[in-house]
Amino acid sequence: MVASENGRHGMVAAMELLRQGGTALDAVELACRIVEDDPSDQSVGYGGLPNVLGEVELDASIMEGRTLRAGAVAGVQGYGRAITLARKVMEETPHVLLVARGAERLAAETGEVPQDQHTGETMQRWQARFAERGVEPAPHGNLRQVARLLTRPLNLQDNANRAVDSAVTKEPRVDTHGTVNFIALDRYGDLASAVSTSGLGWKYPGRVGDSPLIGAGNYCDNRYGAVACTGMGELAIRVSTARSLVLYLKMGMSLTEAGYEALRDLMDLDAGAGQYMNIVAMTPRGECAGFSTVAGKRYLRMTASMEEPELVDRIMLDHGQAE
């Protein structure tokens, strides 16, 4: 398995499931659900950071490499377990993506229990951001301007703060303003991938990133490989990062070459300050790698013989490779 840096607890449980003969699809769903239920991770599920109106909106997608079946939800409010809901879209409807009221209706029809995803800690953090920027939380006014003000400097400043904290505590730095994703390869030779997020904190209501978009933030094909993304979703949407990397593999590139090409696609975009994209990828043979458009990013890797996941540096383009 491979995962984003915040997927440790989910990965340990999912690997045990794989050891017992479980499928890759079940493993990535289980791993995501564990992180979704963890209020200490403010980028996913319960306790996820709200949008500019204070609403927690959840997005998720899941894909099966053997059949290329996929399911996704976006903008879900009032329910948790977004990854399980995405799987229900895949298995119980003729569709791939359901959003907002439609996804919530499916949740109710399939017996999901309504759950308030707000926590006191995240609401305090949500309110503090307004105070930092000298803006009053209000449902009226120019939300475009407020969302732009509160989100654009976010990644750059928060990443700098976390780097300082990590240097002091020696703890792994976790990017909580992102997403959790997992890719698994099971004993049957099947790949599966899953992505879950509460999206960019203080976003404009209804904003959808790459996580629930098959081909942008998630793609899985047993023949060539699986890819999942975290970071500023708009970047991956614009160049179809997940599907593109898989296509580069299909064209005969090595995993590293395909990752470099996907990074070149991203580097050609006019990304703003603090905006970045992280990628994890795995081939049908179990070869894996992580890539990033910025330095200092890592991902988790684990095999059945390991007791704990290991943190591995992501690959970044240098100036010569970027040309």
Protein backbone atom coordinates (compact mmCIF):
# COMPACT_ATOMS: atom_id res chain seq x y z
CA MET A 1 0.00 0.00 0.00
CA VAL A 2 0.90 3.63 -0.45
CA ALA A 3 -0.82 6.64 1.07
CA SER A 4 -0.58 10.31 1.83
CA GLU A 5 1.38 11.21 4.95
CA ASN A 6 -1.73 11.36 7.17
CA GLY A 7 -2.86 7.81 6.38
CA ARG A 8 -0.78 5.86 8.92
CA HIS A 9 -3.55 4.49 11.17
CA GLY A 10 -5.77 3.60 8.25
CA MET A 11 -2.92 1.86 6.45
CA VAL A 12 -2.01 -0.38 9.40
CA ALA A 13 -5.59 -1.66 9.70
CA ALA A 14 -6.00 -2.07 5.95
CA MET A 15 -2.75 -4.01 5.63
CA GLU A 16 -3.98 -6.48 8.24
CA LEU A 17 -7.12 -6.93 6.14
CA LEU A 18 -4.96 -7.64 3.07
CA ARG A 19 -2.88 -10.15 5.03
CA GLN A 20 -6.09 -12.01 5.85
CA GLY A 21 -7.02 -12.27 2.17
CA GLY A 22 -9.13 -9.13 1.88
CA THR A 23 -9.48 -7.29 -1.39
CA ALA A 24 -7.72 -4.09 -2.36
CA LEU A 25 -11.11 -2.39 -2.72
CA ASP A 26 -12.12 -3.28 0.85
CA ALA A 27 -8.70 -2.25 2.11
CA VAL A 28 -8.72 1.28 0.68
CA GLU A 29 -12.30 1.86 1.85
CA LEU A 30 -11.44 0.74 5.38
CA ALA A 31 -8.29 2.85 5.47
CA CYS A 32 -10.18 5.97 4.37
CA ARG A 33 -12.98 5.43 6.87
CA ILE A 34 -10.54 5.27 9.77
CA VAL A 35 -9.09 8.66 8.83
CA GLU A 36 -12.56 10.09 8.12
CA ASP A 37 -13.62 9.19 11.67
CA ASP A 38 -10.55 10.79 13.28
CA PRO A 39 -11.37 14.33 14.50
CA SER A 40 -7.68 15.15 14.88
CA ASP A 41 -7.29 15.12 11.08
CA GLN A 42 -8.87 18.38 10.01
CA SER A 43 -8.59 17.68 6.30
CA VAL A 44 -10.96 14.72 6.12
CA GLY A 45 -14.41 13.73 7.36
CA TYR A 46 -15.41 14.36 10.97
CA GLY A 47 -13.71 17.54 12.12
CA GLY A 48 -12.84 18.63 8.60
CA LEU A 49 -12.41 22.36 8.11
CA PRO A 50 -15.60 24.11 6.93
CA ASN A 51 -16.14 26.31 3.90
CA VAL A 52 -16.42 30.08 4.21
CA LEU A 53 -19.99 29.78 5.52
CA GLY A 54 -19.01 27.30 8.22
CA GLU A 55 -20.39 24.25 6.40
CA VAL A 56 -18.41 20.99 6.26
CA GLU A 57 -18.62 19.63 2.71
CA LEU A 58 -17.16 16.18 2.05
CA ASP A 59 -15.82 14.76 -1.23
CA ALA A 60 -14.57 11.25 -1.97
CA SER A 61 -13.91 8.77 -4.77
CA ILE A 62 -13.05 5.10 -5.09
CA MET A 63 -11.94 3.07 -8.11
CA GLU A 64 -11.42 -0.61 -8.87
CA GLY A 65 -8.55 -1.44 -11.22
CA ARG A 66 -9.83 -4.76 -12.54
CA THR A 67 -13.16 -3.46 -13.90
CA LEU A 68 -12.46 0.31 -14.05
CA ARG A 69 -15.64 0.82 -12.04
CA ALA A 70 -15.65 4.03 -10.01
CA GLY A 71 -17.88 5.95 -7.64
CA ALA A 72 -17.68 9.43 -6.17
CA VAL A 73 -19.56 12.03 -4.13
CA ALA A 74 -19.04 15.75 -3.69
CA GLY A 75 -20.39 18.52 -1.49
CA VAL A 76 -21.95 16.12 1.03
CA GLN A 77 -23.25 17.74 4.22
CA GLY A 78 -24.71 16.13 7.32
CA TYR A 79 -23.24 12.67 6.75
CA GLY A 80 -19.86 11.08 7.40
CA ARG A 81 -18.20 8.07 5.73
CA ALA A 82 -17.95 9.79 2.37
CA ILE A 83 -15.77 6.99 0.97
CA THR A 84 -18.42 4.38 1.77
CA LEU A 85 -21.03 6.56 0.11
CA ALA A 86 -18.79 6.82 -2.96
CA ARG A 87 -18.61 3.03 -3.09
CA LYS A 88 -22.40 2.85 -2.90
CA VAL A 89 -22.60 5.17 -5.90
CA MET A 90 -20.35 2.70 -7.75
CA GLU A 91 -22.17 -0.46 -6.70
CA GLU A 92 -25.80 0.59 -6.22
CA THR A 93 -26.44 3.21 -8.91
CA PRO A 94 -25.80 3.44 -12.67
CA HIS A 95 -23.68 6.56 -12.07
CA VAL A 96 -20.14 7.56 -11.18
CA LEU A 97 -20.62 10.89 -9.37
CA LEU A 98 -23.43 12.21 -7.16
CA VAL A 99 -23.31 15.62 -5.51
CA ALA A 100 -24.90 17.47 -2.60
CA ARG A 101 -28.62 16.71 -2.18
CA GLY A 102 -28.50 13.69 -4.48
CA ALA A 103 -25.60 12.13 -2.58
CA GLU A 104 -27.30 12.91 0.72
CA ARG A 105 -30.52 11.31 -0.51
CA LEU A 106 -28.58 8.16 -1.43
CA ALA A 107 -27.04 8.15 2.03
CA ALA A 108 -30.49 8.23 3.63
CA GLU A 109 -31.89 5.57 1.28
CA THR A 110 -29.03 3.19 2.03
CA GLY A 111 -29.26 3.51 5.80
CA GLU A 112 -26.43 5.91 6.53
CA VAL A 113 -27.01 7.74 9.83
CA PRO A 114 -26.93 11.55 9.66
CA GLN A 115 -23.90 12.94 11.47
CA ASP A 116 -22.85 16.50 12.22
CA GLN A 117 -19.24 16.73 11.03
CA HIS A 118 -18.40 19.88 13.02
CA THR A 119 -16.17 19.77 16.09
CA GLY A 120 -15.44 22.50 18.60
CA GLU A 121 -11.75 22.52 17.72
CA THR A 122 -12.27 23.01 14.00
CA MET A 123 -14.90 25.69 14.52
CA GLN A 124 -12.50 27.59 16.76
CA ARG A 125 -9.84 27.30 14.10
CA TRP A 126 -12.36 28.35 11.43
CA GLN A 127 -13.31 31.48 13.41
CA ALA A 128 -9.70 32.33 14.23
CA ARG A 129 -8.86 32.58 10.55
CA PHE A 130 -11.42 35.35 10.11
CA ALA A 131 -9.93 37.22 13.07
CA GLU A 132 -6.42 36.86 11.66
CA ARG A 133 -7.51 38.45 8.40
CA GLY A 134 -9.74 41.10 9.96
CA VAL A 135 -12.96 39.76 8.43
CA GLU A 136 -16.29 39.12 10.14
CA PRO A 137 -17.88 35.67 9.55
CA ALA A 138 -21.18 36.42 7.81
CA PRO A 139 -23.43 34.68 5.28
CA HIS A 140 -23.79 37.88 3.26
CA GLY A 141 -21.40 40.13 1.40
CA ASN A 142 -18.81 39.35 -1.24
CA LEU A 143 -18.04 35.71 -0.53
CA ARG A 144 -15.76 35.57 -3.57
CA GLN A 145 -13.47 38.13 -2.02
CA VAL A 146 -13.61 36.60 1.45
CA ALA A 147 -12.89 33.07 0.21
CA ARG A 148 -9.97 34.35 -1.86
CA LEU A 149 -8.58 36.27 1.12
CA LEU A 150 -8.83 33.34 3.53
CA THR A 151 -7.60 30.53 1.26
CA ARG A 152 -4.83 31.91 -0.94
CA PRO A 153 -2.15 32.51 1.74
CA LEU A 154 -3.21 29.44 3.69
CA ASN A 155 -0.93 26.69 2.44
CA LEU A 156 2.23 28.77 2.37
CA GLN A 157 1.93 30.08 5.93
CA ASP A 158 0.63 26.90 7.51
CA ASN A 159 3.31 24.76 5.86
CA ALA A 160 5.99 27.11 7.20
CA ASN A 161 4.54 26.88 10.71
CA ARG A 162 4.35 23.08 10.57
CA ALA A 163 7.95 22.87 9.36
CA VAL A 164 9.07 24.80 12.45
CA ASP A 165 6.93 22.64 14.74
CA SER A 166 8.29 19.44 13.18
CA ALA A 167 11.88 20.58 13.61
CA VAL A 168 11.24 21.11 17.34
CA THR A 169 9.18 17.98 18.07
CA LYS A 170 10.89 15.63 15.56
CA GLU A 171 7.40 14.37 14.69
CA PRO A 172 6.46 13.67 11.04
CA ARG A 173 4.97 16.76 9.43
CA VAL A 174 1.40 16.18 8.35
CA ASP A 175 -0.31 18.45 5.84
CA THR A 176 -3.75 18.81 7.39
CA HIS A 177 -4.94 21.12 4.65
CA GLY A 178 -5.30 18.42 2.11
CA THR A 179 -6.70 15.01 1.63
CA VAL A 180 -6.11 11.40 2.49
CA ASN A 181 -5.55 8.83 -0.23
CA PHE A 182 -4.65 5.15 -0.47
CA ILE A 183 -3.63 2.72 -3.19
CA ALA A 184 -3.57 -1.02 -2.49
CA LEU A 185 -2.46 -4.12 -4.38
CA ASP A 186 -3.93 -7.39 -3.10
CA ARG A 187 -2.88 -11.05 -3.40
CA TYR A 188 -5.25 -11.49 -6.34
CA GLY A 189 -3.33 -8.94 -8.41
CA ASP A 190 -6.02 -6.26 -8.19
CA LEU A 191 -5.35 -2.58 -7.60
CA ALA A 192 -7.78 -0.16 -5.94
CA SER A 193 -7.54 3.51 -5.03
CA ALA A 194 -9.51 5.78 -2.72
CA VAL A 195 -9.45 9.50 -1.94
CA SER A 196 -11.37 11.41 0.73
CA THR A 197 -11.34 15.07 1.78
CA SER A 198 -13.25 17.91 3.36
CA GLY A 199 -11.70 20.13 0.73
CA LEU A 200 -9.90 23.42 1.07
CA GLY A 201 -10.75 25.17 4.33
CA TRP A 202 -12.72 28.43 3.95
CA LYS A 203 -13.49 27.58 0.32
CA TYR A 204 -16.38 29.12 -1.59
CA PRO A 205 -19.54 27.02 -0.99
CA GLY A 206 -19.89 24.23 -3.52
CA ARG A 207 -16.25 24.23 -4.52
CA VAL A 208 -15.17 20.78 -5.74
CA GLY A 209 -11.51 19.84 -6.01
CA ASP A 210 -9.82 16.93 -7.75
CA SER A 211 -10.53 14.27 -5.10
CA PRO A 212 -13.97 13.13 -6.38
CA LEU A 213 -13.10 13.60 -10.05
CA ILE A 214 -12.02 10.36 -11.71
CA GLY A 215 -9.02 11.12 -13.88
CA ALA A 216 -8.02 14.25 -11.98
CA GLY A 217 -7.32 13.17 -8.39
CA ASN A 218 -7.88 9.42 -8.70
CA TYR A 219 -7.42 6.77 -11.36
CA CYS A 220 -6.82 3.03 -11.20
CA ASP A 221 -6.22 0.47 -13.95
CA ASN A 222 -4.87 -3.04 -13.30
CA ARG A 223 -3.11 -3.05 -16.66
CA TYR A 224 -0.89 -0.02 -16.08
CA GLY A 225 -1.13 1.39 -12.56
CA ALA A 226 -2.98 3.55 -10.04
CA VAL A 227 -2.51 7.19 -9.08
CA ALA A 228 -3.99 9.45 -6.39
CA CYS A 229 -3.37 13.12 -5.63
CA THR A 230 -3.42 15.61 -2.78
CA GLY A 231 -2.82 19.33 -2.73
CA MET A 232 -4.47 22.19 -4.62
CA GLY A 233 -7.08 20.25 -6.55
CA GLU A 234 -7.60 22.87 -9.21
CA LEU A 235 -4.12 22.09 -10.53
CA ALA A 236 -4.79 18.37 -11.02
CA ILE A 237 -8.17 19.12 -12.59
CA ARG A 238 -6.61 21.35 -15.23
CA VAL A 239 -4.15 18.73 -16.47
CA SER A 240 -5.97 15.49 -15.49
CA THR A 241 -3.00 14.44 -13.39
CA ALA A 242 -4.09 10.96 -12.25
CA ARG A 243 -5.21 9.70 -15.66
CA SER A 244 -2.27 11.38 -17.41
CA LEU A 245 0.31 9.58 -15.31
CA VAL A 246 -1.42 6.25 -15.96
CA LEU A 247 -1.42 7.03 -19.69
CA TYR A 248 2.30 7.77 -19.56
CA LEU A 249 2.75 4.31 -18.04
CA LYS A 250 0.62 2.86 -20.83
CA MET A 251 2.91 4.54 -23.34
CA GLY A 252 5.81 2.53 -21.97
CA MET A 253 7.45 5.01 -19.62
CA SER A 254 8.92 3.80 -16.34
CA LEU A 255 7.16 4.88 -13.17
CA THR A 256 9.76 7.56 -12.50
CA GLU A 257 9.60 8.85 -16.08
CA ALA A 258 5.80 8.95 -15.97
CA GLY A 259 5.89 10.85 -12.68
CA TYR A 260 8.35 13.37 -14.08
CA GLU A 261 6.09 13.95 -17.08
CA ALA A 262 3.07 14.49 -14.82
CA LEU A 263 5.09 16.98 -12.79
CA ARG A 264 6.07 18.84 -15.96
CA ASP A 265 2.38 19.15 -16.82
CA LEU A 266 1.74 20.70 -13.41
CA MET A 267 4.77 22.98 -13.47
CA ASP A 268 3.52 24.54 -16.70
CA LEU A 269 0.52 25.95 -14.81
CA ASP A 270 0.45 29.40 -13.20
CA ALA A 271 0.13 28.05 -9.65
CA GLY A 272 -0.20 30.67 -6.93
CA ALA A 273 2.01 31.05 -3.87
CA GLY A 274 1.73 28.02 -1.60
CA GLN A 275 -0.19 25.96 -4.15
CA TYR A 276 1.28 22.54 -4.81
CA MET A 277 0.37 19.02 -5.93
CA ASN A 278 1.40 15.69 -4.41
CA ILE A 279 1.07 12.36 -6.22
CA VAL A 280 1.31 8.71 -5.13
CA ALA A 281 1.46 5.95 -7.72
CA MET A 282 1.75 2.17 -7.93
CA THR A 283 2.26 -0.22 -10.84
CA PRO A 284 0.61 -3.66 -11.22
CA ARG A 285 3.92 -5.18 -10.05
CA GLY A 286 3.81 -3.24 -6.79
CA GLU A 287 6.46 -0.69 -7.70
CA CYS A 288 5.54 2.58 -6.02
CA ALA A 289 6.65 6.19 -5.90
CA GLY A 290 5.58 9.60 -4.67
CA PHE A 291 6.00 12.89 -6.51
CA SER A 292 5.54 16.54 -5.58
CA THR A 293 5.83 19.96 -7.17
CA VAL A 294 7.48 21.29 -3.98
CA ALA A 295 10.31 20.12 -1.76
CA GLY A 296 10.02 18.42 1.60
CA LYS A 297 6.96 16.23 0.95
CA ARG A 298 6.76 12.57 1.91
CA TYR A 299 4.36 9.65 1.53
CA LEU A 300 3.70 6.36 3.33
CA ARG A 301 4.63 2.95 1.98
CA MET A 302 3.92 -0.45 3.51
CA THR A 303 4.25 -4.09 2.46
CA ALA A 304 2.73 -7.17 4.09
CA SER A 305 6.06 -8.01 5.73
CA MET A 306 6.29 -4.64 7.53
CA GLU A 307 4.88 -3.95 10.99
CA GLU A 308 4.61 -0.20 10.44
CA PRO A 309 4.47 2.03 7.37
CA GLU A 310 7.60 3.91 6.40
CA LEU A 311 7.82 7.55 5.38
CA VAL A 312 9.50 8.01 2.00
CA ASP A 313 10.56 11.25 0.33
CA ARG A 314 8.57 12.25 -2.73
CA ILE A 315 10.43 12.90 -5.97
CA MET A 316 10.64 16.46 -7.25
CA LEU A 317 11.85 17.82 -10.57
CA ASP A 318 15.13 19.68 -10.55
CA HIS A 319 15.74 22.55 -12.95
CA GLY A 320 17.27 20.34 -15.63
CA GLN A 321 14.47 17.79 -15.54
CA ALA A 322 11.79 20.48 -15.66
CA GLU A 323 12.86 21.57 -19.13
